[in-house]
Amino acid sequence: RTAGMRVIGFTGAAHSYPGHADALTEAGAETVIRRWAELKSVIAALSEWSADV
């Protein structure tokens, strides 16, 4: 986020753990997905949403 980039976290891998999504959000992820199939729609939604990051 410091670089002005929007961040999407991913928790669908084997190394994910309970609370991982919260940790990613606290670290700066704007949203978190659990399945790669969600990525396209999340990118589209973020592209339409132009609030300050």
C-alpha atoms as a PDB file:
ATOM      1  CA  ARG A   1       0.000   0.000   0.000  1.00  0.00           C
ATOM      2  CA  THR A   2       2.892   2.348   0.625  1.00  0.00           C
ATOM      3  CA  ALA A   3       3.676   2.093  -3.090  1.00  0.00           C
ATOM      4  CA  GLY A   4       0.106   3.086  -3.925  1.00  0.00           C
ATOM      5  CA  MET A   5      -0.835  -0.428  -4.999  1.00  0.00           C
ATOM      6  CA  ARG A   6      -4.034  -2.228  -4.070  1.00  0.00           C
ATOM      7  CA  VAL A   7      -3.455  -5.568  -2.371  1.00  0.00           C
ATOM      8  CA  ILE A   8      -5.540  -8.744  -2.555  1.00  0.00           C
ATOM      9  CA  GLY A   9      -4.670 -11.429  -0.023  1.00  0.00           C
ATOM     10  CA  PHE A  10      -5.019 -15.161  -0.767  1.00  0.00           C
ATOM     11  CA  THR A  11      -5.702 -17.834   1.840  1.00  0.00           C
ATOM     12  CA  GLY A  12      -6.465 -20.849  -0.335  1.00  0.00           C
ATOM     13  CA  ALA A  13      -3.087 -22.551  -0.056  1.00  0.00           C
ATOM     14  CA  ALA A  14      -2.048 -25.388   2.243  1.00  0.00           C
ATOM     15  CA  HIS A  15       0.058 -23.044   4.387  1.00  0.00           C
ATOM     16  CA  SER A  16      -2.980 -20.953   5.347  1.00  0.00           C
ATOM     17  CA  TYR A  17      -4.196 -21.085   8.947  1.00  0.00           C
ATOM     18  CA  PRO A  18      -7.136 -19.858  11.053  1.00  0.00           C
ATOM     19  CA  GLY A  19      -6.865 -16.085  11.327  1.00  0.00           C
ATOM     20  CA  HIS A  20      -4.703 -15.801   8.194  1.00  0.00           C
ATOM     21  CA  ALA A  21      -7.232 -13.549   6.434  1.00  0.00           C
ATOM     22  CA  ASP A  22      -7.274 -11.220   9.437  1.00  0.00           C
ATOM     23  CA  ALA A  23      -3.472 -11.127   9.477  1.00  0.00           C
ATOM     24  CA  LEU A  24      -3.377 -10.262   5.771  1.00  0.00           C
ATOM     25  CA  THR A  25      -5.956  -7.514   6.257  1.00  0.00           C
ATOM     26  CA  GLU A  26      -3.991  -6.088   9.182  1.00  0.00           C
ATOM     27  CA  ALA A  27      -0.865  -6.187   7.003  1.00  0.00           C
ATOM     28  CA  GLY A  28      -2.595  -4.076   4.358  1.00  0.00           C
ATOM     29  CA  ALA A  29      -4.631  -6.352   2.106  1.00  0.00           C
ATOM     30  CA  GLU A  30      -7.720  -4.520   0.936  1.00  0.00           C
ATOM     31  CA  THR A  31      -9.621  -7.780   0.584  1.00  0.00           C
ATOM     32  CA  VAL A  32      -8.866 -11.483   0.907  1.00  0.00           C
ATOM     33  CA  ILE A  33      -9.956 -14.370  -1.321  1.00  0.00           C
ATOM     34  CA  ARG A  34      -9.892 -18.119  -0.684  1.00  0.00           C
ATOM     35  CA  ARG A  35     -10.264 -19.352  -4.263  1.00  0.00           C
ATOM     36  CA  TRP A  36      -8.500 -18.225  -7.446  1.00  0.00           C
ATOM     37  CA  ALA A  37     -11.904 -18.292  -9.167  1.00  0.00           C
ATOM     38  CA  GLU A  38     -12.813 -15.206  -7.097  1.00  0.00           C
ATOM     39  CA  LEU A  39      -9.870 -13.144  -8.366  1.00  0.00           C
ATOM     40  CA  LYS A  40     -11.381 -11.895 -11.633  1.00  0.00           C
ATOM     41  CA  SER A  41     -14.532 -10.529  -9.998  1.00  0.00           C
ATOM     42  CA  VAL A  42     -12.569  -8.938  -7.145  1.00  0.00           C
ATOM     43  CA  ILE A  43     -10.258  -7.171  -9.606  1.00  0.00           C
ATOM     44  CA  ALA A  44     -13.301  -5.941 -11.537  1.00  0.00           C
ATOM     45  CA  ALA A  45     -14.929  -4.662  -8.344  1.00  0.00           C
ATOM     46  CA  LEU A  46     -11.754  -2.902  -7.210  1.00  0.00           C
ATOM     47  CA  SER A  47     -11.397  -1.319 -10.651  1.00  0.00           C
ATOM     48  CA  GLU A  48     -14.855   0.218 -10.283  1.00  0.00           C
ATOM     49  CA  TRP A  49     -14.308   1.348  -6.718  1.00  0.00           C
ATOM     50  CA  SER A  50     -12.224   4.504  -6.627  1.00  0.00           C
ATOM     51  CA  ALA A  51     -12.129   5.436  -2.951  1.00  0.00           C
ATOM     52  CA  ASP A  52      -8.835   6.548  -1.466  1.00  0.00           C
ATOM     53  CA  VAL A  53      -6.581   3.652  -0.567  1.00  0.00           C
END
